[in-house]
């Protein structure tokens, strides 16, 4: 949490520097290009267990096999674990 005693200009400078860093260093992942809540949930769950680079491959395969909640609901735990 940013200290409330910091000046407004210092906060703005920090935010500007952070956004500048983001523009130079951001990585492109498929879950950053969607607003589909199901796809975002899957990404969040997968990202809890491993690195983003590893999740990128699993994410695509998972969504190809289970593109929506209905298809996922019919899968067994064993099927899901195979991915």
PDB file of N, CA and C in Angstrom:
ATOM      1  N   UNK A   1       0.842  -1.171   0.000  1.00  0.00           N
ATOM      2  CA  UNK A   1       0.000   0.000   0.000  1.00  0.00           C
ATOM      3  C   UNK A   1       0.890   1.237   0.000  1.00  0.00           C
ATOM      4  N   UNK A   2       0.563   2.190  -0.842  1.00  0.00           N
ATOM      5  CA  UNK A   2       1.330   3.425  -0.919  1.00  0.00           C
ATOM      6  C   UNK A   2       0.998   4.286   0.293  1.00  0.00           C
ATOM      7  N   UNK A   3       2.032   4.769   0.938  1.00  0.00           N
ATOM      8  CA  UNK A   3       1.867   5.604   2.112  1.00  0.00           C
ATOM      9  C   UNK A   3       1.050   6.843   1.767  1.00  0.00           C
ATOM     10  N   UNK A   4       0.066   7.138   2.576  1.00  0.00           N
ATOM     11  CA  UNK A   4      -0.806   8.288   2.327  1.00  0.00           C
ATOM     12  C   UNK A   4      -0.057   9.610   2.451  1.00  0.00           C
ATOM     13  N   UNK A   5       1.104   9.599   3.094  1.00  0.00           N
ATOM     14  CA  UNK A   5       1.865  10.823   3.289  1.00  0.00           C
ATOM     15  C   UNK A   5       2.700  11.194   2.061  1.00  0.00           C
ATOM     16  N   UNK A   6       2.810  10.307   1.105  1.00  0.00           N
ATOM     17  CA  UNK A   6       3.579  10.616  -0.101  1.00  0.00           C
ATOM     18  C   UNK A   6       2.868  11.708  -0.894  1.00  0.00           C
ATOM     19  N   UNK A   7       3.657  12.555  -1.479  1.00  0.00           N
ATOM     20  CA  UNK A   7       3.060  13.644  -2.249  1.00  0.00           C
ATOM     21  C   UNK A   7       2.394  13.116  -3.512  1.00  0.00           C
ATOM     22  N   UNK A   8       1.457  13.870  -3.982  1.00  0.00           N
ATOM     23  CA  UNK A   8       0.729  13.507  -5.197  1.00  0.00           C
ATOM     24  C   UNK A   8       1.672  13.429  -6.392  1.00  0.00           C
ATOM     25  N   UNK A   9       2.618  14.335  -6.480  1.00  0.00           N
ATOM     26  CA  UNK A   9       3.558  14.332  -7.610  1.00  0.00           C
ATOM     27  C   UNK A   9       4.475  13.113  -7.558  1.00  0.00           C
ATOM     28  N   UNK A  10       4.851  12.689  -6.348  1.00  0.00           N
ATOM     29  CA  UNK A  10       5.686  11.492  -6.218  1.00  0.00           C
ATOM     30  C   UNK A  10       4.905  10.257  -6.651  1.00  0.00           C
ATOM     31  N   UNK A  11       3.641  10.194  -6.270  1.00  0.00           N
ATOM     32  CA  UNK A  11       2.796   9.072  -6.681  1.00  0.00           C
ATOM     33  C   UNK A  11       2.650   9.037  -8.209  1.00  0.00           C
ATOM     34  N   UNK A  12       2.432  10.197  -8.823  1.00  0.00           N
ATOM     35  CA  UNK A  12       2.298  10.269 -10.275  1.00  0.00           C
ATOM     36  C   UNK A  12       3.591   9.864 -10.962  1.00  0.00           C
ATOM     37  N   UNK A  13       4.723  10.276 -10.415  1.00  0.00           N
ATOM     38  CA  UNK A  13       6.022   9.903 -10.987  1.00  0.00           C
ATOM     39  C   UNK A  13       6.220   8.393 -10.920  1.00  0.00           C
ATOM     40  N   UNK A  14       5.892   7.831  -9.773  1.00  0.00           N
ATOM     41  CA  UNK A  14       6.026   6.392  -9.607  1.00  0.00           C
ATOM     42  C   UNK A  14       5.146   5.655 -10.612  1.00  0.00           C
ATOM     43  N   UNK A  15       3.908   6.083 -10.739  1.00  0.00           N
ATOM     44  CA  UNK A  15       2.972   5.448 -11.678  1.00  0.00           C
ATOM     45  C   UNK A  15       3.476   5.564 -13.118  1.00  0.00           C
ATOM     46  N   UNK A  16       3.994   6.710 -13.464  1.00  0.00           N
ATOM     47  CA  UNK A  16       4.529   6.914 -14.820  1.00  0.00           C
ATOM     48  C   UNK A  16       5.704   5.989 -15.089  1.00  0.00           C
ATOM     49  N   UNK A  17       6.605   5.877 -14.115  1.00  0.00           N
ATOM     50  CA  UNK A  17       7.757   4.987 -14.263  1.00  0.00           C
ATOM     51  C   UNK A  17       7.327   3.529 -14.366  1.00  0.00           C
ATOM     52  N   UNK A  18       6.349   3.156 -13.573  1.00  0.00           N
ATOM     53  CA  UNK A  18       5.851   1.784 -13.603  1.00  0.00           C
ATOM     54  C   UNK A  18       5.206   1.464 -14.952  1.00  0.00           C
ATOM     55  N   UNK A  19       4.397   2.363 -15.473  1.00  0.00           N
ATOM     56  CA  UNK A  19       3.770   2.149 -16.776  1.00  0.00           C
ATOM     57  C   UNK A  19       4.803   2.116 -17.903  1.00  0.00           C
ATOM     58  N   UNK A  20       5.813   2.941 -17.800  1.00  0.00           N
ATOM     59  CA  UNK A  20       6.893   2.942 -18.793  1.00  0.00           C
ATOM     60  C   UNK A  20       7.644   1.610 -18.769  1.00  0.00           C
ATOM     61  N   UNK A  21       7.936   1.126 -17.568  1.00  0.00           N
ATOM     62  CA  UNK A  21       8.598  -0.174 -17.432  1.00  0.00           C
ATOM     63  C   UNK A  21       7.728  -1.268 -18.048  1.00  0.00           C
ATOM     64  N   UNK A  22       6.427  -1.236 -17.761  1.00  0.00           N
ATOM     65  CA  UNK A  22       5.501  -2.239 -18.295  1.00  0.00           C
ATOM     66  C   UNK A  22       5.531  -2.254 -19.823  1.00  0.00           C
ATOM     67  N   UNK A  23       5.488  -1.091 -20.447  1.00  0.00           N
ATOM     68  CA  UNK A  23       5.492  -1.020 -21.908  1.00  0.00           C
ATOM     69  C   UNK A  23       6.758  -1.632 -22.496  1.00  0.00           C
ATOM     70  N   UNK A  24       7.877  -1.484 -21.844  1.00  0.00           N
ATOM     71  CA  UNK A  24       9.147  -2.025 -22.335  1.00  0.00           C
ATOM     72  C   UNK A  24       9.300  -3.515 -22.055  1.00  0.00           C
ATOM     73  N   UNK A  25       8.688  -4.013 -20.981  1.00  0.00           N
ATOM     74  CA  UNK A  25       8.966  -5.371 -20.511  1.00  0.00           C
ATOM     75  C   UNK A  25       7.797  -6.342 -20.566  1.00  0.00           C
ATOM     76  N   UNK A  26       6.626  -5.880 -20.953  1.00  0.00           N
ATOM     77  CA  UNK A  26       5.463  -6.774 -20.932  1.00  0.00           C
ATOM     78  C   UNK A  26       5.660  -7.944 -21.903  1.00  0.00           C
ATOM     79  N   UNK A  27       5.043  -9.052 -21.545  1.00  0.00           N
ATOM     80  CA  UNK A  27       5.081 -10.228 -22.402  1.00  0.00           C
ATOM     81  C   UNK A  27       3.668 -10.492 -22.910  1.00  0.00           C
ATOM     82  N   UNK A  28       3.596 -11.028 -24.105  1.00  0.00           N
ATOM     83  CA  UNK A  28       2.310 -11.296 -24.735  1.00  0.00           C
ATOM     84  C   UNK A  28       1.882 -12.725 -24.427  1.00  0.00           C
ATOM     85  N   UNK A  29       0.773 -12.867 -23.736  1.00  0.00           N
ATOM     86  CA  UNK A  29       0.203 -14.172 -23.436  1.00  0.00           C
ATOM     87  C   UNK A  29      -1.246 -14.175 -23.917  1.00  0.00           C
ATOM     88  N   UNK A  30      -1.751 -15.339 -24.327  1.00  0.00           N
ATOM     89  CA  UNK A  30      -3.109 -15.393 -24.884  1.00  0.00           C
ATOM     90  C   UNK A  30      -4.188 -14.898 -23.927  1.00  0.00           C
ATOM     91  N   UNK A  31      -4.012 -15.096 -22.637  1.00  0.00           N
ATOM     92  CA  UNK A  31      -5.043 -14.674 -21.687  1.00  0.00           C
ATOM     93  C   UNK A  31      -5.081 -13.163 -21.508  1.00  0.00           C
ATOM     94  N   UNK A  32      -4.100 -12.467 -22.036  1.00  0.00           N
ATOM     95  CA  UNK A  32      -4.130 -11.005 -22.009  1.00  0.00           C
ATOM     96  C   UNK A  32      -4.891 -10.428 -23.196  1.00  0.00           C
ATOM     97  N   UNK A  33      -5.283 -11.293 -24.118  1.00  0.00           N
ATOM     98  CA  UNK A  33      -5.991 -10.832 -25.320  1.00  0.00           C
ATOM     99  C   UNK A  33      -7.460 -11.258 -25.320  1.00  0.00           C
ATOM    100  N   UNK A  34      -8.000 -11.625 -24.172  1.00  0.00           N
ATOM    101  CA  UNK A  34      -9.392 -12.058 -24.105  1.00  0.00           C
ATOM    102  C   UNK A  34     -10.103 -11.369 -22.947  1.00  0.00           C
ATOM    103  N   UNK A  35     -11.382 -11.263 -23.094  1.00  0.00           N
ATOM    104  CA  UNK A  35     -12.202 -10.782 -21.979  1.00  0.00           C
ATOM    105  C   UNK A  35     -13.191 -11.876 -21.558  1.00  0.00           C
ATOM    106  N   UNK A  36     -13.008 -13.072 -22.110  1.00  0.00           N
ATOM    107  CA  UNK A  36     -13.860 -14.215 -21.774  1.00  0.00           C
ATOM    108  C   UNK A  36     -13.568 -14.659 -20.342  1.00  0.00           C
ATOM    109  N   UNK A  37     -14.546 -14.552 -19.482  1.00  0.00           N
ATOM    110  CA  UNK A  37     -14.329 -14.851 -18.065  1.00  0.00           C
ATOM    111  C   UNK A  37     -13.948 -16.312 -17.830  1.00  0.00           C
ATOM    112  N   UNK A  38     -14.477 -17.235 -18.602  1.00  0.00           N
ATOM    113  CA  UNK A  38     -14.105 -18.648 -18.467  1.00  0.00           C
ATOM    114  C   UNK A  38     -12.630 -18.832 -18.804  1.00  0.00           C
ATOM    115  N   UNK A  39     -12.177 -18.287 -19.921  1.00  0.00           N
ATOM    116  CA  UNK A  39     -10.778 -18.421 -20.325  1.00  0.00           C
ATOM    117  C   UNK A  39      -9.844 -17.766 -19.302  1.00  0.00           C
ATOM    118  N   UNK A  40     -10.254 -16.641 -18.756  1.00  0.00           N
ATOM    119  CA  UNK A  40      -9.445 -15.971 -17.733  1.00  0.00           C
ATOM    120  C   UNK A  40      -9.384 -16.793 -16.446  1.00  0.00           C
ATOM    121  N   UNK A  41     -10.487 -17.406 -16.074  1.00  0.00           N
ATOM    122  CA  UNK A  41     -10.494 -18.264 -14.890  1.00  0.00           C
ATOM    123  C   UNK A  41      -9.551 -19.444 -15.069  1.00  0.00           C
ATOM    124  N   UNK A  42      -9.593 -20.070 -16.234  1.00  0.00           N
ATOM    125  CA  UNK A  42      -8.694 -21.197 -16.508  1.00  0.00           C
ATOM    126  C   UNK A  42      -7.247 -20.741 -16.407  1.00  0.00           C
ATOM    127  N   UNK A  43      -6.912 -19.612 -16.985  1.00  0.00           N
ATOM    128  CA  UNK A  43      -5.544 -19.083 -16.908  1.00  0.00           C
ATOM    129  C   UNK A  43      -5.143 -18.844 -15.458  1.00  0.00           C
ATOM    130  N   UNK A  44      -6.011 -18.234 -14.685  1.00  0.00           N
ATOM    131  CA  UNK A  44      -5.700 -17.957 -13.275  1.00  0.00           C
ATOM    132  C   UNK A  44      -5.444 -19.249 -12.507  1.00  0.00           C
ATOM    133  N   UNK A  45      -6.266 -20.256 -12.742  1.00  0.00           N
ATOM    134  CA  UNK A  45      -6.085 -21.523 -12.041  1.00  0.00           C
ATOM    135  C   UNK A  45      -4.778 -22.206 -12.449  1.00  0.00           C
ATOM    136  N   UNK A  46      -4.474 -22.189 -13.735  1.00  0.00           N
ATOM    137  CA  UNK A  46      -3.227 -22.804 -14.196  1.00  0.00           C
ATOM    138  C   UNK A  46      -2.004 -22.037 -13.698  1.00  0.00           C
ATOM    139  N   UNK A  47      -2.095 -20.735 -13.636  1.00  0.00           N
ATOM    140  CA  UNK A  47      -0.955 -19.909 -13.214  1.00  0.00           C
ATOM    141  C   UNK A  47      -0.626 -20.075 -11.734  1.00  0.00           C
ATOM    142  N   UNK A  48      -1.508 -20.630 -10.967  1.00  0.00           N
ATOM    143  CA  UNK A  48      -1.232 -20.866  -9.550  1.00  0.00           C
ATOM    144  C   UNK A  48      -0.202 -21.964  -9.348  1.00  0.00           C
ATOM    145  N   UNK A  49      -0.019 -22.812 -10.329  1.00  0.00           N
ATOM    146  CA  UNK A  49       0.810 -24.003 -10.161  1.00  0.00           C
ATOM    147  C   UNK A  49       2.183 -23.935 -10.817  1.00  0.00           C
ATOM    148  N   UNK A  50       2.395 -23.056 -11.774  1.00  0.00           N
ATOM    149  CA  UNK A  50       3.641 -23.090 -12.528  1.00  0.00           C
ATOM    150  C   UNK A  50       3.931 -21.731 -13.167  1.00  0.00           C
ATOM    151  N   UNK A  51       4.915 -21.692 -14.063  1.00  0.00           N
ATOM    152  CA  UNK A  51       5.316 -20.436 -14.692  1.00  0.00           C
ATOM    153  C   UNK A  51       4.399 -20.093 -15.867  1.00  0.00           C
ATOM    154  N   UNK A  52       4.372 -18.820 -16.213  1.00  0.00           N
ATOM    155  CA  UNK A  52       3.529 -18.357 -17.316  1.00  0.00           C
ATOM    156  C   UNK A  52       3.923 -19.022 -18.627  1.00  0.00           C
ATOM    157  N   UNK A  53       5.201 -19.221 -18.859  1.00  0.00           N
ATOM    158  CA  UNK A  53       5.661 -19.847 -20.106  1.00  0.00           C
ATOM    159  C   UNK A  53       5.116 -21.277 -20.227  1.00  0.00           C
ATOM    160  N   UNK A  54       5.137 -22.032 -19.135  1.00  0.00           N
ATOM    161  CA  UNK A  54       4.602 -23.390 -19.166  1.00  0.00           C
ATOM    162  C   UNK A  54       3.082 -23.385 -19.295  1.00  0.00           C
ATOM    163  N   UNK A  55       2.437 -22.444 -18.663  1.00  0.00           N
ATOM    164  CA  UNK A  55       0.979 -22.354 -18.721  1.00  0.00           C
ATOM    165  C   UNK A  55       0.509 -22.019 -20.124  1.00  0.00           C
ATOM    166  N   UNK A  56       1.280 -21.249 -20.857  1.00  0.00           N
ATOM    167  CA  UNK A  56       0.871 -20.847 -22.202  1.00  0.00           C
ATOM    168  C   UNK A  56       0.539 -22.062 -23.064  1.00  0.00           C
ATOM    169  N   UNK A  57       1.370 -23.089 -23.022  1.00  0.00           N
ATOM    170  CA  UNK A  57       1.106 -24.302 -23.817  1.00  0.00           C
ATOM    171  C   UNK A  57      -0.112 -25.059 -23.276  1.00  0.00           C
ATOM    172  N   UNK A  58      -0.174 -25.236 -21.974  1.00  0.00           N
ATOM    173  CA  UNK A  58      -1.277 -25.975 -21.362  1.00  0.00           C
ATOM    174  C   UNK A  58      -2.601 -25.241 -21.546  1.00  0.00           C
ATOM    175  N   UNK A  59      -2.566 -23.930 -21.471  1.00  0.00           N
ATOM    176  CA  UNK A  59      -3.761 -23.097 -21.612  1.00  0.00           C
ATOM    177  C   UNK A  59      -4.410 -23.312 -22.973  1.00  0.00           C
ATOM    178  N   UNK A  60      -3.608 -23.268 -24.015  1.00  0.00           N
ATOM    179  CA  UNK A  60      -4.141 -23.453 -25.373  1.00  0.00           C
ATOM    180  C   UNK A  60      -4.744 -24.847 -25.537  1.00  0.00           C
ATOM    181  N   UNK A  61      -4.045 -25.850 -25.048  1.00  0.00           N
ATOM    182  CA  UNK A  61      -4.535 -27.228 -25.158  1.00  0.00           C
ATOM    183  C   UNK A  61      -5.815 -27.414 -24.343  1.00  0.00           C
ATOM    184  N   UNK A  62      -5.843 -26.851 -23.154  1.00  0.00           N
ATOM    185  CA  UNK A  62      -7.010 -26.976 -22.292  1.00  0.00           C
ATOM    186  C   UNK A  62      -8.231 -26.344 -22.937  1.00  0.00           C
ATOM    187  N   UNK A  63      -8.079 -25.131 -23.440  1.00  0.00           N
ATOM    188  CA  UNK A  63      -9.224 -24.451 -24.048  1.00  0.00           C
ATOM    189  C   UNK A  63      -9.646 -25.088 -25.369  1.00  0.00           C
ATOM    190  N   UNK A  64      -8.702 -25.713 -26.071  1.00  0.00           N
ATOM    191  CA  UNK A  64      -9.064 -26.415 -27.303  1.00  0.00           C
ATOM    192  C   UNK A  64      -9.938 -27.634 -26.964  1.00  0.00           C
ATOM    193  N   UNK A  65      -9.599 -28.313 -25.876  1.00  0.00           N
ATOM    194  CA  UNK A  65     -10.340 -29.512 -25.494  1.00  0.00           C
ATOM    195  C   UNK A  65     -11.627 -29.177 -24.719  1.00  0.00           C
ATOM    196  N   UNK A  66     -11.563 -28.140 -23.889  1.00  0.00           N
ATOM    197  CA  UNK A  66     -12.709 -27.730 -23.069  1.00  0.00           C
ATOM    198  C   UNK A  66     -12.968 -26.241 -23.290  1.00  0.00           C
ATOM    199  N   UNK A  67     -13.596 -25.884 -24.396  1.00  0.00           N
ATOM    200  CA  UNK A  67     -13.746 -24.471 -24.765  1.00  0.00           C
ATOM    201  C   UNK A  67     -14.773 -23.685 -23.938  1.00  0.00           C
ATOM    202  N   UNK A  68     -15.556 -24.399 -23.117  1.00  0.00           N
ATOM    203  CA  UNK A  68     -16.577 -23.710 -22.332  1.00  0.00           C
ATOM    204  C   UNK A  68     -16.872 -24.519 -21.070  1.00  0.00           C
ATOM    205  N   UNK A  69     -17.562 -23.931 -20.115  1.00  0.00           N
ATOM    206  CA  UNK A  69     -17.854 -24.641 -18.865  1.00  0.00           C
ATOM    207  C   UNK A  69     -18.641 -25.936 -19.069  1.00  0.00           C
ATOM    208  N   UNK A  70     -19.518 -25.954 -20.053  1.00  0.00           N
ATOM    209  CA  UNK A  70     -20.321 -27.159 -20.298  1.00  0.00           C
ATOM    210  C   UNK A  70     -19.437 -28.337 -20.692  1.00  0.00           C
ATOM    211  N   UNK A  71     -18.486 -28.112 -21.587  1.00  0.00           N
ATOM    212  CA  UNK A  71     -17.603 -29.211 -22.003  1.00  0.00           C
ATOM    213  C   UNK A  71     -16.714 -29.661 -20.848  1.00  0.00           C
ATOM    214  N   UNK A  72     -16.303 -28.743 -20.021  1.00  0.00           N
ATOM    215  CA  UNK A  72     -15.490 -29.100 -18.860  1.00  0.00           C
ATOM    216  C   UNK A  72     -16.303 -29.900 -17.846  1.00  0.00           C
ATOM    217  N   UNK A  73     -17.559 -29.555 -17.706  1.00  0.00           N
ATOM    218  CA  UNK A  73     -18.398 -30.233 -16.704  1.00  0.00           C
ATOM    219  C   UNK A  73     -18.641 -31.702 -17.037  1.00  0.00           C
ATOM    220  N   UNK A  74     -18.483 -32.077 -18.284  1.00  0.00           N
ATOM    221  CA  UNK A  74     -18.706 -33.477 -18.665  1.00  0.00           C
ATOM    222  C   UNK A  74     -17.429 -34.316 -18.610  1.00  0.00           C
ATOM    223  N   UNK A  75     -16.295 -33.670 -18.352  1.00  0.00           N
ATOM    224  CA  UNK A  75     -15.022 -34.388 -18.319  1.00  0.00           C
ATOM    225  C   UNK A  75     -14.793 -35.018 -16.957  1.00  0.00           C
ATOM    226  N   UNK A  76     -14.107 -36.144 -16.962  1.00  0.00           N
ATOM    227  CA  UNK A  76     -13.743 -36.785 -15.698  1.00  0.00           C
ATOM    228  C   UNK A  76     -12.450 -36.131 -15.171  1.00  0.00           C
ATOM    229  N   UNK A  77     -12.181 -36.321 -13.897  1.00  0.00           N
ATOM    230  CA  UNK A  77     -10.944 -35.786 -13.317  1.00  0.00           C
ATOM    231  C   UNK A  77      -9.730 -36.381 -14.007  1.00  0.00           C
ATOM    232  N   UNK A  78      -9.808 -37.653 -14.390  1.00  0.00           N
ATOM    233  CA  UNK A  78      -8.696 -38.310 -15.063  1.00  0.00           C
ATOM    234  C   UNK A  78      -8.413 -37.650 -16.427  1.00  0.00           C
ATOM    235  N   UNK A  79      -9.470 -37.339 -17.164  1.00  0.00           N
ATOM    236  CA  UNK A  79      -9.292 -36.671 -18.470  1.00  0.00           C
ATOM    237  C   UNK A  79      -8.627 -35.313 -18.300  1.00  0.00           C
ATOM    238  N   UNK A  80      -9.091 -34.569 -17.325  1.00  0.00           N
ATOM    239  CA  UNK A  80      -8.539 -33.235 -17.088  1.00  0.00           C
ATOM    240  C   UNK A  80      -7.087 -33.324 -16.663  1.00  0.00           C
ATOM    241  N   UNK A  81      -6.779 -34.304 -15.847  1.00  0.00           N
ATOM    242  CA  UNK A  81      -5.404 -34.492 -15.359  1.00  0.00           C
ATOM    243  C   UNK A  81      -4.421 -34.867 -16.452  1.00  0.00           C
ATOM    244  N   UNK A  82      -4.911 -35.423 -17.562  1.00  0.00           N
ATOM    245  CA  UNK A  82      -4.040 -35.829 -18.668  1.00  0.00           C
ATOM    246  C   UNK A  82      -3.426 -34.641 -19.371  1.00  0.00           C
ATOM    247  N   UNK A  83      -4.064 -33.487 -19.303  1.00  0.00           N
ATOM    248  CA  UNK A  83      -3.540 -32.299 -19.983  1.00  0.00           C
ATOM    249  C   UNK A  83      -2.424 -31.770 -19.183  1.00  0.00           C
TER     250      UNK A  83
END
